[in-house]
Amino acid sequence: MIRALKALLSDRKGRALLLMTALLAMMMAIGTGVVIAAAQEDAQQGTSASGVGLKAIGASIAVGLAGIGGGYAVGVAGSAAISAVAEKRELMGASLLFVVLGEGIAIYGLLVALIILFVI
């Protein structure tokens, strides 16, 4: 993994891709935090007209980003898993586990969205 990261960082396009991904994730995390904070503030003040809309926006951001992240993780892990299984058949179980872990990201996003909509 370290070798692959070094190879990605040595490439100019790879560095730009990593930088843009990190910036996008940071902006979305800040935006989600702002939306959740505004929804909590509205809920405490009793004004739920804008709170419902902000909750919907926060939930959609959580599900959308988790879906994008999960899809990317499954794509990368699935590609590596197919390559590993093609070389050694006995790596099937371990490689399947890594693909499933990537899918867990999308499930966590769905859980966060449900918490935003129904608990907060």
N, C-alpha and C. Protein backbone atom coordinates (compact mmCIF):
# COMPACT_ATOMS: atom_id res chain seq x y z
N MET A 1 0.83 -1.19 0.00
CA MET A 1 0.00 0.00 0.00
C MET A 1 0.88 1.25 0.00
N ILE A 2 1.95 1.22 0.77
CA ILE A 2 2.86 2.37 0.82
C ILE A 2 3.49 2.58 -0.55
N ARG A 3 3.84 1.47 -1.21
CA ARG A 3 4.43 1.58 -2.54
C ARG A 3 3.46 2.22 -3.52
N ALA A 4 2.20 1.82 -3.43
CA ALA A 4 1.19 2.38 -4.33
C ALA A 4 0.97 3.86 -4.05
N LEU A 5 0.98 4.25 -2.77
CA LEU A 5 0.81 5.65 -2.41
C LEU A 5 1.98 6.48 -2.89
N LYS A 6 3.20 5.94 -2.75
CA LYS A 6 4.37 6.66 -3.24
C LYS A 6 4.31 6.84 -4.76
N ALA A 7 3.85 5.80 -5.45
CA ALA A 7 3.72 5.91 -6.90
C ALA A 7 2.68 6.94 -7.29
N LEU A 8 1.59 7.01 -6.53
CA LEU A 8 0.54 7.98 -6.81
C LEU A 8 1.03 9.40 -6.55
N LEU A 9 1.78 9.57 -5.47
CA LEU A 9 2.27 10.91 -5.13
C LEU A 9 3.38 11.37 -6.07
N SER A 10 4.10 10.45 -6.68
CA SER A 10 5.17 10.85 -7.59
C SER A 10 4.59 11.37 -8.91
N ASP A 11 3.39 10.99 -9.23
CA ASP A 11 2.74 11.43 -10.47
C ASP A 11 2.05 12.77 -10.22
N ARG A 12 2.16 13.68 -11.16
CA ARG A 12 1.56 15.01 -11.00
C ARG A 12 0.04 14.94 -10.96
N LYS A 13 -0.55 14.12 -11.82
CA LYS A 13 -2.00 13.98 -11.82
C LYS A 13 -2.48 13.31 -10.54
N GLY A 14 -1.69 12.38 -10.03
CA GLY A 14 -2.06 11.70 -8.79
C GLY A 14 -2.09 12.65 -7.61
N ARG A 15 -1.11 13.54 -7.54
CA ARG A 15 -1.11 14.54 -6.46
C ARG A 15 -2.29 15.47 -6.57
N ALA A 16 -2.61 15.90 -7.78
CA ALA A 16 -3.76 16.78 -7.97
C ALA A 16 -5.06 16.08 -7.59
N LEU A 17 -5.17 14.80 -7.94
CA LEU A 17 -6.36 14.03 -7.60
C LEU A 17 -6.51 13.89 -6.09
N LEU A 18 -5.41 13.57 -5.42
CA LEU A 18 -5.46 13.45 -3.96
C LEU A 18 -5.81 14.78 -3.30
N LEU A 19 -5.25 15.87 -3.81
CA LEU A 19 -5.52 17.18 -3.24
C LEU A 19 -6.97 17.57 -3.45
N MET A 20 -7.50 17.36 -4.63
CA MET A 20 -8.90 17.70 -4.90
C MET A 20 -9.85 16.84 -4.07
N THR A 21 -9.53 15.56 -3.91
CA THR A 21 -10.36 14.68 -3.10
C THR A 21 -10.35 15.13 -1.64
N ALA A 22 -9.19 15.47 -1.13
CA ALA A 22 -9.10 15.92 0.25
C ALA A 22 -9.85 17.24 0.46
N LEU A 23 -9.72 18.16 -0.48
CA LEU A 23 -10.42 19.44 -0.36
C LEU A 23 -11.94 19.26 -0.44
N LEU A 24 -12.39 18.40 -1.34
CA LEU A 24 -13.82 18.15 -1.46
C LEU A 24 -14.37 17.51 -0.18
N ALA A 25 -13.64 16.55 0.34
CA ALA A 25 -14.09 15.91 1.58
C ALA A 25 -14.13 16.90 2.74
N MET A 26 -13.14 17.79 2.80
CA MET A 26 -13.10 18.77 3.87
C MET A 26 -14.24 19.77 3.75
N MET A 27 -14.52 20.23 2.54
CA MET A 27 -15.62 21.19 2.34
C MET A 27 -16.96 20.55 2.66
N MET A 28 -17.15 19.31 2.25
CA MET A 28 -18.42 18.63 2.53
C MET A 28 -18.58 18.36 4.02
N ALA A 29 -17.51 18.02 4.70
CA ALA A 29 -17.59 17.79 6.14
C ALA A 29 -17.96 19.09 6.87
N ILE A 30 -17.37 20.19 6.47
CA ILE A 30 -17.69 21.48 7.09
C ILE A 30 -19.14 21.86 6.78
N GLY A 31 -19.55 21.67 5.54
CA GLY A 31 -20.94 21.97 5.16
C GLY A 31 -21.94 21.13 5.91
N THR A 32 -21.64 19.86 6.07
CA THR A 32 -22.54 18.98 6.82
C THR A 32 -22.61 19.41 8.28
N GLY A 33 -21.48 19.79 8.85
CA GLY A 33 -21.47 20.26 10.24
C GLY A 33 -22.29 21.53 10.42
N VAL A 34 -22.19 22.44 9.47
CA VAL A 34 -22.96 23.69 9.53
C VAL A 34 -24.45 23.40 9.44
N VAL A 35 -24.83 22.51 8.53
CA VAL A 35 -26.24 22.17 8.37
C VAL A 35 -26.78 21.50 9.62
N ILE A 36 -26.02 20.61 10.20
CA ILE A 36 -26.46 19.93 11.42
C ILE A 36 -26.56 20.91 12.57
N ALA A 37 -25.59 21.82 12.69
CA ALA A 37 -25.64 22.81 13.77
C ALA A 37 -26.85 23.73 13.61
N ALA A 38 -27.14 24.13 12.38
CA ALA A 38 -28.31 24.99 12.15
C ALA A 38 -29.60 24.25 12.46
N ALA A 39 -29.66 22.97 12.12
CA ALA A 39 -30.86 22.18 12.41
C ALA A 39 -31.05 22.01 13.91
N GLN A 40 -29.97 21.81 14.64
CA GLN A 40 -30.07 21.68 16.09
C GLN A 40 -30.51 23.00 16.72
N GLU A 41 -29.97 24.10 16.22
CA GLU A 41 -30.34 25.40 16.76
C GLU A 41 -31.81 25.70 16.51
N ASP A 42 -32.29 25.38 15.31
CA ASP A 42 -33.71 25.56 15.01
C ASP A 42 -34.58 24.68 15.88
N ALA A 43 -34.13 23.47 16.13
CA ALA A 43 -34.92 22.56 16.95
C ALA A 43 -35.00 23.05 18.39
N GLN A 44 -33.93 23.65 18.89
CA GLN A 44 -33.94 24.17 20.26
C GLN A 44 -34.82 25.40 20.38
N GLN A 45 -34.88 26.20 19.32
CA GLN A 45 -35.70 27.41 19.36
C GLN A 45 -37.16 27.13 19.04
N GLY A 46 -37.44 25.96 18.54
CA GLY A 46 -38.81 25.60 18.22
C GLY A 46 -39.25 25.98 16.83
N THR A 47 -38.36 26.56 16.04
CA THR A 47 -38.72 26.90 14.66
C THR A 47 -38.32 25.74 13.78
N SER A 48 -39.30 24.98 13.34
CA SER A 48 -38.98 23.79 12.58
C SER A 48 -39.20 23.96 11.08
N ALA A 49 -39.61 25.14 10.64
CA ALA A 49 -39.87 25.33 9.21
C ALA A 49 -38.58 25.21 8.41
N SER A 50 -37.55 25.92 8.83
CA SER A 50 -36.28 25.79 8.11
C SER A 50 -35.50 24.59 8.59
N GLY A 51 -35.80 24.10 9.78
CA GLY A 51 -35.09 22.94 10.31
C GLY A 51 -35.35 21.69 9.51
N VAL A 52 -36.56 21.52 9.03
CA VAL A 52 -36.88 20.33 8.24
C VAL A 52 -36.10 20.35 6.93
N GLY A 53 -36.04 21.50 6.30
CA GLY A 53 -35.29 21.61 5.05
C GLY A 53 -33.80 21.39 5.26
N LEU A 54 -33.26 21.95 6.34
CA LEU A 54 -31.85 21.77 6.63
C LEU A 54 -31.54 20.32 6.99
N LYS A 55 -32.47 19.66 7.67
CA LYS A 55 -32.28 18.24 7.97
C LYS A 55 -32.24 17.43 6.68
N ALA A 56 -33.12 17.75 5.75
CA ALA A 56 -33.13 17.04 4.48
C ALA A 56 -31.84 17.26 3.70
N ILE A 57 -31.34 18.49 3.73
CA ILE A 57 -30.09 18.78 3.04
C ILE A 57 -28.94 18.03 3.70
N GLY A 58 -28.89 18.05 5.02
CA GLY A 58 -27.83 17.34 5.74
C GLY A 58 -27.87 15.84 5.49
N ALA A 59 -29.08 15.28 5.49
CA ALA A 59 -29.20 13.84 5.24
C ALA A 59 -28.80 13.49 3.81
N SER A 60 -29.17 14.34 2.87
CA SER A 60 -28.81 14.05 1.48
C SER A 60 -27.32 14.18 1.26
N ILE A 61 -26.69 15.14 1.91
CA ILE A 61 -25.23 15.26 1.80
C ILE A 61 -24.56 14.04 2.40
N ALA A 62 -25.04 13.57 3.56
CA ALA A 62 -24.44 12.41 4.20
C ALA A 62 -24.56 11.17 3.33
N VAL A 63 -25.74 10.94 2.76
CA VAL A 63 -25.93 9.76 1.91
C VAL A 63 -25.13 9.89 0.62
N GLY A 64 -25.14 11.08 0.02
CA GLY A 64 -24.42 11.27 -1.24
C GLY A 64 -22.93 11.08 -1.10
N LEU A 65 -22.34 11.70 -0.10
CA LEU A 65 -20.89 11.57 0.07
C LEU A 65 -20.50 10.15 0.47
N ALA A 66 -21.32 9.53 1.32
CA ALA A 66 -21.02 8.15 1.69
C ALA A 66 -21.15 7.22 0.50
N GLY A 67 -22.11 7.49 -0.38
CA GLY A 67 -22.25 6.68 -1.58
C GLY A 67 -21.07 6.85 -2.52
N ILE A 68 -20.61 8.08 -2.67
CA ILE A 68 -19.45 8.33 -3.53
C ILE A 68 -18.21 7.66 -2.94
N GLY A 69 -18.01 7.84 -1.63
CA GLY A 69 -16.86 7.23 -0.98
C GLY A 69 -16.90 5.71 -1.01
N GLY A 70 -18.08 5.16 -0.76
CA GLY A 70 -18.22 3.71 -0.80
C GLY A 70 -18.01 3.15 -2.19
N GLY A 71 -18.54 3.85 -3.19
CA GLY A 71 -18.33 3.41 -4.57
C GLY A 71 -16.87 3.44 -4.98
N TYR A 72 -16.18 4.48 -4.57
CA TYR A 72 -14.75 4.58 -4.89
C TYR A 72 -13.97 3.48 -4.18
N ALA A 73 -14.30 3.25 -2.90
CA ALA A 73 -13.59 2.22 -2.13
C ALA A 73 -13.83 0.83 -2.72
N VAL A 74 -15.07 0.54 -3.10
CA VAL A 74 -15.37 -0.76 -3.69
C VAL A 74 -14.69 -0.90 -5.04
N GLY A 75 -14.63 0.17 -5.81
CA GLY A 75 -13.96 0.11 -7.11
C GLY A 75 -12.48 -0.19 -6.98
N VAL A 76 -11.82 0.49 -6.07
CA VAL A 76 -10.38 0.27 -5.89
C VAL A 76 -10.13 -1.11 -5.28
N ALA A 77 -10.87 -1.44 -4.22
CA ALA A 77 -10.66 -2.74 -3.58
C ALA A 77 -11.06 -3.89 -4.49
N GLY A 78 -12.13 -3.71 -5.25
CA GLY A 78 -12.55 -4.77 -6.16
C GLY A 78 -11.54 -5.02 -7.26
N SER A 79 -10.97 -3.95 -7.77
CA SER A 79 -9.94 -4.09 -8.81
C SER A 79 -8.72 -4.83 -8.27
N ALA A 80 -8.30 -4.44 -7.08
CA ALA A 80 -7.14 -5.11 -6.47
C ALA A 80 -7.48 -6.56 -6.12
N ALA A 81 -8.72 -6.81 -5.69
CA ALA A 81 -9.13 -8.16 -5.32
C ALA A 81 -9.13 -9.08 -6.54
N ILE A 82 -9.64 -8.57 -7.67
CA ILE A 82 -9.65 -9.39 -8.88
C ILE A 82 -8.22 -9.72 -9.32
N SER A 83 -7.33 -8.75 -9.22
CA SER A 83 -5.94 -8.99 -9.59
C SER A 83 -5.29 -10.02 -8.66
N ALA A 84 -5.57 -9.90 -7.36
CA ALA A 84 -4.98 -10.82 -6.40
C ALA A 84 -5.52 -12.23 -6.59
N VAL A 85 -6.81 -12.37 -6.82
CA VAL A 85 -7.41 -13.70 -7.00
C VAL A 85 -6.93 -14.33 -8.30
N ALA A 86 -6.68 -13.52 -9.31
CA ALA A 86 -6.17 -14.06 -10.57
C ALA A 86 -4.79 -14.67 -10.39
N GLU A 87 -4.01 -14.12 -9.47
CA GLU A 87 -2.67 -14.66 -9.22
C GLU A 87 -2.70 -15.81 -8.23
N LYS A 88 -3.50 -15.69 -7.15
CA LYS A 88 -3.57 -16.72 -6.11
C LYS A 88 -5.02 -16.94 -5.75
N ARG A 89 -5.53 -18.12 -6.00
CA ARG A 89 -6.94 -18.42 -5.72
C ARG A 89 -7.26 -18.38 -4.22
N GLU A 90 -6.31 -18.68 -3.37
CA GLU A 90 -6.58 -18.76 -1.93
C GLU A 90 -6.76 -17.38 -1.28
N LEU A 91 -6.57 -16.31 -2.00
CA LEU A 91 -6.78 -14.97 -1.47
C LEU A 91 -8.22 -14.48 -1.63
N MET A 92 -9.11 -15.32 -2.10
CA MET A 92 -10.48 -14.92 -2.37
C MET A 92 -11.19 -14.41 -1.12
N GLY A 93 -11.09 -15.13 -0.02
CA GLY A 93 -11.78 -14.73 1.21
C GLY A 93 -11.30 -13.40 1.76
N ALA A 94 -9.99 -13.23 1.80
CA ALA A 94 -9.42 -11.99 2.33
C ALA A 94 -9.76 -10.80 1.43
N SER A 95 -9.72 -11.01 0.14
CA SER A 95 -10.01 -9.90 -0.78
C SER A 95 -11.49 -9.54 -0.73
N LEU A 96 -12.35 -10.53 -0.54
CA LEU A 96 -13.78 -10.25 -0.43
C LEU A 96 -14.07 -9.42 0.82
N LEU A 97 -13.33 -9.68 1.88
CA LEU A 97 -13.50 -8.92 3.12
C LEU A 97 -13.19 -7.44 2.91
N PHE A 98 -12.16 -7.14 2.15
CA PHE A 98 -11.81 -5.74 1.91
C PHE A 98 -12.87 -5.04 1.05
N VAL A 99 -13.46 -5.75 0.13
CA VAL A 99 -14.53 -5.16 -0.68
C VAL A 99 -15.75 -4.87 0.19
N VAL A 100 -16.08 -5.78 1.09
CA VAL A 100 -17.23 -5.59 1.99
C VAL A 100 -16.98 -4.42 2.94
N LEU A 101 -15.77 -4.23 3.39
CA LEU A 101 -15.46 -3.09 4.26
C LEU A 101 -15.69 -1.77 3.54
N GLY A 102 -15.40 -1.73 2.26
CA GLY A 102 -15.67 -0.53 1.48
C GLY A 102 -17.16 -0.25 1.36
N GLU A 103 -17.96 -1.30 1.27
CA GLU A 103 -19.41 -1.11 1.18
C GLU A 103 -20.00 -0.62 2.50
N GLY A 104 -19.31 -0.89 3.59
CA GLY A 104 -19.78 -0.44 4.90
C GLY A 104 -19.83 1.08 5.01
N ILE A 105 -19.03 1.77 4.23
CA ILE A 105 -19.03 3.24 4.26
C ILE A 105 -20.40 3.78 3.86
N ALA A 106 -20.99 3.20 2.84
CA ALA A 106 -22.31 3.66 2.39
C ALA A 106 -23.38 3.38 3.44
N ILE A 107 -23.25 2.26 4.14
CA ILE A 107 -24.22 1.93 5.19
C ILE A 107 -24.11 2.93 6.34
N TYR A 108 -22.89 3.31 6.70
CA TYR A 108 -22.71 4.31 7.76
C TYR A 108 -23.32 5.65 7.34
N GLY A 109 -23.19 6.02 6.09
CA GLY A 109 -23.81 7.26 5.61
C GLY A 109 -25.32 7.22 5.72
N LEU A 110 -25.90 6.06 5.41
CA LEU A 110 -27.35 5.91 5.56
C LEU A 110 -27.76 6.01 7.02
N LEU A 111 -26.99 5.42 7.92
CA LEU A 111 -27.30 5.51 9.34
C LEU A 111 -27.22 6.96 9.85
N VAL A 112 -26.21 7.69 9.39
CA VAL A 112 -26.08 9.09 9.78
C VAL A 112 -27.28 9.90 9.27
N ALA A 113 -27.71 9.62 8.05
CA ALA A 113 -28.87 10.32 7.49
C ALA A 113 -30.13 10.03 8.31
N LEU A 114 -30.31 8.78 8.71
CA LEU A 114 -31.49 8.44 9.52
C LEU A 114 -31.43 9.11 10.88
N ILE A 115 -30.24 9.21 11.46
CA ILE A 115 -30.09 9.91 12.75
C ILE A 115 -30.41 11.38 12.58
N ILE A 116 -29.93 11.98 11.50
CA ILE A 116 -30.21 13.40 11.25
C ILE A 116 -31.71 13.63 11.11
N LEU A 117 -32.38 12.77 10.36
CA LEU A 117 -33.79 12.99 10.08
C LEU A 117 -34.70 12.71 11.28
N PHE A 118 -34.40 11.68 12.06
CA PHE A 118 -35.35 11.25 13.08
C PHE A 118 -34.93 11.50 14.51
N VAL A 119 -33.66 11.71 14.79
CA VAL A 119 -33.22 11.88 16.18
C VAL A 119 -32.91 13.34 16.50
N ILE A 120 -32.22 14.00 15.61
CA ILE A 120 -31.81 15.39 15.89
C ILE A 120 -32.98 16.31 15.64
